[in-house]
Amino acid sequence: MNEVELGHAIQAARKKTGLTQQELCQKTGISYSTLAKIELGAIKSPSVFTVVNIAAVCGLTVEELAGGSKSVKSPTRETKRSKNGIQFVYFDINGCMVRFFQAAFSSIASDTGVSPEVVEGTFWHYNDAVCSGKMSLEDFNKVLAKRIGIETINWSQYYLEAVQPIVEVQQALSWVSQSFKVGLLTNIMPGLIDALLQKGTLPKFDYDVIVDSSKAKVIKPEAHIFELAAEAAGVPPGDILLVDDSRANLMAAEKMGWHTLWFDDFRPSESIDKLKELLEI
């Protein structure tokens, strides 16, 4: 694939995602003139990291964006160690990579006529059981439907319609991966990671490790999930950073010897600045 073909592929992916050139520039940090030249094929061999970033925003891998071309590949990463010893970064999903809670609760409340507090209370009462595999998603749907007085409900559908990417973190993922191994460590219901990836809400990225609580059958902040995650990362606990929005999860990770960063989804840019400081090489 030459630069003209790549430019056409990027333009097609952008339009399929429903983004204008200006919107894609905002999400990737690329200047308008640079993107325009790339789409026209006027830039020979654009930076592979630029292509990685564009692909991630469009919900594609580089290979999918390039149509399987062998001429454009993700760079072979030479992982490094930060000044404080970090080699591997785990990101939480809900509350870090994406937002969903209030929008999903409000949507169900609007459709059913019950208060958002009833929906939210039911959700949190059973969430841990579903995320740890102790309760099936089907049974959760039955309990939720009964609690709000309707025959059936599909929580996954409401979740996927409500969820929104936290763009700052998803952009940070690209530059973090240039120097460090990265993974997902999340409490989540069965099937939702694959659905998020398929929808493009979660970047289709070559994660080094994905620790899905519903598959591991254990949730944060239980110690065992951190043991499993450290083993999967293949580095000592003291070389791992967890980015999470839950204080309880971060305290548990600290007890295991991990580095931690509390993510504030109301001030994502400030949290990203702190992440950069922690990962200074």
Protein backbone atom coordinates (compact mmCIF):
# COMPACT_ATOMS: atom_id res chain seq x y z
CA MET A 1 0.00 0.00 0.00
CA ASN A 2 1.49 3.33 -1.08
CA GLU A 3 0.87 6.69 0.54
CA VAL A 4 -2.07 7.51 -1.75
CA GLU A 5 -3.81 4.20 -0.96
CA LEU A 6 -3.14 4.69 2.73
CA GLY A 7 -4.58 8.20 2.56
CA HIS A 8 -7.74 6.89 0.91
CA ALA A 9 -8.02 4.15 3.54
CA ILE A 10 -7.71 6.70 6.38
CA GLN A 11 -10.30 8.96 4.76
CA ALA A 12 -12.71 6.04 4.33
CA ALA A 13 -12.22 4.91 7.94
CA ARG A 14 -12.77 8.46 9.21
CA LYS A 15 -15.99 8.86 7.23
CA LYS A 16 -17.24 5.42 8.27
CA THR A 17 -16.67 6.42 11.90
CA GLY A 18 -18.71 9.58 11.26
CA LEU A 19 -15.88 12.02 11.97
CA THR A 20 -15.03 15.21 10.16
CA GLN A 21 -11.38 16.03 9.56
CA GLN A 22 -11.55 18.60 12.35
CA GLU A 23 -13.03 16.07 14.79
CA LEU A 24 -10.39 13.47 13.97
CA CYS A 25 -7.69 16.11 14.46
CA GLN A 26 -9.09 16.97 17.89
CA LYS A 27 -9.19 13.33 18.97
CA THR A 28 -5.70 12.47 17.69
CA GLY A 29 -3.84 15.72 18.29
CA ILE A 30 -2.82 15.85 14.62
CA SER A 31 -2.86 19.24 12.91
CA TYR A 32 -5.51 19.82 10.25
CA SER A 33 -2.92 20.47 7.54
CA THR A 34 -1.08 17.24 8.37
CA LEU A 35 -4.24 15.14 8.24
CA ALA A 36 -5.34 16.75 5.00
CA LYS A 37 -1.97 15.98 3.40
CA ILE A 38 -2.05 12.37 4.68
CA GLU A 39 -5.52 11.80 3.23
CA LEU A 40 -4.37 13.27 -0.10
CA GLY A 41 -1.33 10.98 -0.08
CA ALA A 42 0.98 13.99 -0.07
CA ILE A 43 3.05 12.78 2.88
CA LYS A 44 5.40 9.94 2.09
CA SER A 45 5.65 7.36 4.88
CA PRO A 46 3.67 9.18 7.61
CA SER A 47 4.78 8.41 11.16
CA VAL A 48 3.67 4.93 12.16
CA PHE A 49 2.62 6.31 15.53
CA THR A 50 0.37 8.81 13.75
CA VAL A 51 -1.21 5.92 11.84
CA VAL A 52 -1.58 3.92 15.09
CA ASN A 53 -3.35 6.86 16.73
CA ILE A 54 -5.73 7.39 13.79
CA ALA A 55 -6.54 3.68 13.69
CA ALA A 56 -7.28 3.60 17.44
CA VAL A 57 -9.69 6.54 17.22
CA CYS A 58 -11.46 4.84 14.30
CA GLY A 59 -11.74 1.62 16.32
CA LEU A 60 -9.40 -0.32 14.07
CA THR A 61 -6.05 -2.04 14.22
CA VAL A 62 -3.34 -0.71 11.92
CA GLU A 63 -3.66 -3.87 9.82
CA GLU A 64 -7.43 -3.36 9.44
CA LEU A 65 -6.95 0.29 8.54
CA ALA A 66 -4.36 -0.61 5.92
CA GLY A 67 -6.47 -3.44 4.56
CA GLY A 68 -4.03 -6.12 5.68
CA SER A 69 -1.10 -4.50 3.91
CA LYS A 70 2.29 -5.70 5.12
CA SER A 71 3.79 -2.31 4.34
CA VAL A 72 2.23 -0.66 7.40
CA LYS A 73 2.77 -2.39 10.73
CA SER A 74 2.71 -1.46 14.36
CA PRO A 75 6.27 -0.78 15.47
CA THR A 76 8.18 -3.43 17.33
CA ARG A 77 8.30 -2.04 20.83
CA GLU A 78 11.46 -1.91 22.85
CA THR A 79 10.00 -1.69 26.33
CA LYS A 80 11.66 0.59 28.84
CA ARG A 81 11.63 1.23 32.57
CA SER A 82 10.56 4.51 34.13
CA LYS A 83 12.73 6.25 36.71
CA ASN A 84 10.64 4.72 39.49
CA GLY A 85 10.86 1.22 38.01
CA ILE A 86 7.58 0.86 36.09
CA GLN A 87 7.62 -1.50 33.12
CA PHE A 88 3.95 -2.49 32.79
CA VAL A 89 0.81 -0.32 32.95
CA TYR A 90 -2.65 -1.75 33.63
CA PHE A 91 -5.69 0.39 32.83
CA ASP A 92 -9.15 -0.10 34.30
CA ILE A 93 -12.02 0.12 31.78
CA ASN A 94 -15.15 1.51 33.44
CA GLY A 95 -14.35 4.93 34.81
CA CYS A 96 -10.98 5.14 33.07
CA MET A 97 -11.29 4.06 29.46
CA VAL A 98 -15.04 4.65 29.22
CA ARG A 99 -17.95 6.30 31.05
CA PHE A 100 -21.40 4.76 31.30
CA PHE A 101 -22.99 4.59 34.75
CA GLN A 102 -25.34 7.54 35.04
CA ALA A 103 -26.34 7.54 31.37
CA ALA A 104 -27.33 3.88 31.46
CA PHE A 105 -29.27 4.23 34.70
CA SER A 106 -31.08 7.33 33.43
CA SER A 107 -31.96 5.65 30.15
CA ILE A 108 -33.51 2.63 31.87
CA ALA A 109 -35.38 4.91 34.27
CA SER A 110 -36.75 6.97 31.39
CA ASP A 111 -37.91 3.87 29.50
CA THR A 112 -39.53 2.19 32.50
CA GLY A 113 -40.76 5.04 34.65
CA VAL A 114 -38.85 4.04 37.76
CA SER A 115 -36.39 6.30 39.54
CA PRO A 116 -32.69 6.15 38.54
CA GLU A 117 -31.91 5.42 42.22
CA VAL A 118 -33.86 2.14 42.05
CA VAL A 119 -31.99 1.07 38.91
CA GLU A 120 -28.62 2.09 40.31
CA GLY A 121 -29.26 0.43 43.66
CA THR A 122 -30.19 -2.86 42.02
CA PHE A 123 -27.18 -2.70 39.73
CA TRP A 124 -24.67 -2.17 42.53
CA HIS A 125 -26.29 -4.83 44.70
CA TYR A 126 -25.57 -7.54 42.11
CA ASN A 127 -22.73 -6.11 40.03
CA ASP A 128 -19.89 -7.81 41.92
CA ALA A 129 -21.60 -11.19 41.70
CA VAL A 130 -21.97 -10.93 37.92
CA CYS A 131 -18.46 -9.56 37.37
CA SER A 132 -16.95 -12.41 39.39
CA GLY A 133 -18.96 -15.09 37.60
CA LYS A 134 -21.03 -16.00 40.66
CA MET A 135 -24.21 -14.85 38.94
CA SER A 136 -25.01 -15.13 35.23
CA LEU A 137 -25.84 -12.08 33.15
CA GLU A 138 -29.15 -13.74 32.27
CA ASP A 139 -30.07 -14.07 35.94
CA PHE A 140 -29.06 -10.47 36.55
CA ASN A 141 -31.37 -9.33 33.75
CA LYS A 142 -34.23 -11.28 35.35
CA VAL A 143 -33.62 -9.76 38.77
CA LEU A 144 -33.29 -6.24 37.35
CA ALA A 145 -36.48 -6.63 35.30
CA LYS A 146 -38.41 -7.90 38.32
CA ARG A 147 -37.09 -5.10 40.53
CA ILE A 148 -38.25 -2.37 38.15
CA GLY A 149 -41.52 -4.09 37.25
CA ILE A 150 -41.09 -5.13 33.61
CA GLU A 151 -41.00 -8.52 31.90
CA THR A 152 -37.51 -8.45 30.36
CA ILE A 153 -34.49 -6.20 30.07
CA ASN A 154 -31.11 -6.41 28.37
CA TRP A 155 -28.54 -4.67 30.55
CA SER A 156 -25.74 -5.18 28.01
CA GLN A 157 -27.71 -3.29 25.37
CA TYR A 158 -28.30 -0.32 27.65
CA TYR A 159 -24.65 -0.37 28.72
CA LEU A 160 -23.31 -0.43 25.16
CA GLU A 161 -25.65 2.36 24.04
CA ALA A 162 -24.71 4.55 27.00
CA VAL A 163 -20.96 3.98 27.16
CA GLN A 164 -18.71 6.78 25.92
CA PRO A 165 -14.94 6.67 25.42
CA ILE A 166 -12.73 8.85 27.61
CA VAL A 167 -10.70 10.12 24.69
CA GLU A 168 -7.76 11.47 26.70
CA VAL A 169 -6.97 8.03 28.12
CA GLN A 170 -7.41 6.24 24.83
CA GLN A 171 -4.99 8.67 23.23
CA ALA A 172 -2.55 8.20 26.12
CA LEU A 173 -2.66 4.45 25.54
CA SER A 174 -0.86 4.93 22.24
CA TRP A 175 2.12 6.83 23.64
CA VAL A 176 2.34 4.69 26.79
CA SER A 177 2.62 1.59 24.60
CA GLN A 178 5.59 3.05 22.77
CA SER A 179 7.77 2.46 25.83
CA PHE A 180 5.84 0.17 28.18
CA LYS A 181 3.78 -2.98 28.05
CA VAL A 182 0.09 -2.26 28.59
CA GLY A 183 -2.92 -4.26 29.69
CA LEU A 184 -6.51 -4.06 30.87
CA LEU A 185 -7.43 -5.09 34.41
CA THR A 186 -11.12 -4.66 34.96
CA ASN A 187 -14.22 -5.69 36.86
CA ILE A 188 -16.71 -6.23 34.06
CA MET A 189 -19.70 -8.36 33.11
CA PRO A 190 -19.31 -11.29 30.67
CA GLY A 191 -18.90 -10.47 26.99
CA LEU A 192 -18.66 -6.71 27.37
CA ILE A 193 -14.96 -6.35 26.54
CA ASP A 194 -15.44 -8.10 23.20
CA ALA A 195 -18.57 -6.02 22.54
CA LEU A 196 -16.72 -2.77 23.32
CA LEU A 197 -13.88 -3.75 21.01
CA GLN A 198 -16.29 -4.75 18.27
CA LYS A 199 -18.19 -1.47 18.59
CA GLY A 200 -14.97 0.53 18.59
CA THR A 201 -15.71 2.20 21.93
CA LEU A 202 -12.62 0.49 23.32
CA PRO A 203 -9.55 0.80 21.07
CA LYS A 204 -8.74 -2.27 19.02
CA PHE A 205 -5.21 -2.43 20.29
CA ASP A 206 -2.65 -5.19 20.69
CA TYR A 207 -2.91 -5.32 24.49
CA ASP A 208 -0.16 -7.36 26.12
CA VAL A 209 -2.58 -8.72 28.74
CA ILE A 210 -6.34 -8.52 29.34
CA VAL A 211 -7.52 -9.58 32.79
CA ASP A 212 -11.32 -9.88 32.60
CA SER A 213 -12.85 -10.47 36.04
CA SER A 214 -15.76 -12.46 34.59
CA LYS A 215 -13.26 -14.92 33.11
CA ALA A 216 -10.83 -14.88 36.04
CA LYS A 217 -13.79 -15.45 38.43
CA VAL A 218 -12.38 -12.93 40.86
CA ILE A 219 -12.73 -9.15 41.14
CA LYS A 220 -10.74 -6.20 42.37
CA PRO A 221 -9.95 -5.43 45.19
CA GLU A 222 -9.42 -9.14 46.04
CA ALA A 223 -5.72 -9.98 46.28
CA HIS A 224 -5.93 -12.99 43.97
CA ILE A 225 -6.78 -10.94 40.88
CA PHE A 226 -3.65 -8.84 41.39
CA GLU A 227 -1.60 -12.02 41.75
CA LEU A 228 -3.03 -13.31 38.47
CA ALA A 229 -2.41 -9.98 36.76
CA ALA A 230 1.20 -9.78 37.96
CA GLU A 231 1.87 -13.32 36.77
CA ALA A 232 0.34 -12.51 33.36
CA ALA A 233 2.40 -9.31 33.09
CA GLY A 234 5.59 -11.29 33.62
CA VAL A 235 7.26 -8.60 35.73
CA PRO A 236 7.67 -8.14 39.52
CA PRO A 237 4.78 -6.42 41.35
CA GLY A 238 6.97 -3.38 42.00
CA ASP A 239 7.29 -2.85 38.23
CA ILE A 240 3.53 -2.52 37.61
CA LEU A 241 1.37 0.61 37.57
CA LEU A 242 -2.42 0.41 37.98
CA VAL A 243 -4.54 3.30 36.64
CA ASP A 244 -7.96 2.99 38.29
CA ASP A 245 -10.80 5.23 39.50
CA SER A 246 -11.52 3.16 42.65
CA ARG A 247 -9.64 4.03 45.84
CA ALA A 248 -10.33 0.54 47.22
CA ASN A 249 -8.74 -1.10 44.17
CA LEU A 250 -5.72 1.19 44.34
CA MET A 251 -5.18 0.49 48.05
CA ALA A 252 -5.32 -3.25 47.38
CA ALA A 253 -2.80 -2.90 44.54
CA GLU A 254 -0.48 -0.88 46.79
CA LYS A 255 -0.58 -3.68 49.38
CA MET A 256 0.62 -6.03 46.62
CA GLY A 257 3.58 -3.71 45.96
CA TRP A 258 2.22 -2.06 42.82
CA HIS A 259 2.48 1.59 41.80
CA THR A 260 -0.93 3.26 41.53
CA LEU A 261 -2.59 6.30 39.99
CA TRP A 262 -6.08 7.44 40.89
CA PHE A 263 -7.88 8.47 37.71
CA ASP A 264 -10.35 11.34 37.95
CA ASP A 265 -12.72 11.09 34.99
CA PHE A 266 -13.99 14.60 35.74
CA ARG A 267 -10.46 15.93 35.16
CA PRO A 268 -8.92 13.43 32.74
CA SER A 269 -6.25 15.81 31.46
CA GLU A 270 -4.90 16.34 34.97
CA SER A 271 -4.76 12.60 35.53
CA ILE A 272 -2.91 12.13 32.24
CA ASP A 273 -0.37 14.75 33.30
CA LYS A 274 0.24 12.75 36.49
CA LEU A 275 0.58 9.59 34.41
CA LYS A 276 3.28 11.23 32.32
CA GLU A 277 5.15 12.20 35.46
CA LEU A 278 5.00 8.65 36.79
CA LEU A 279 6.24 7.23 33.50
CA GLU A 280 9.14 9.62 33.08
CA ILE A 281 12.11 7.69 31.75
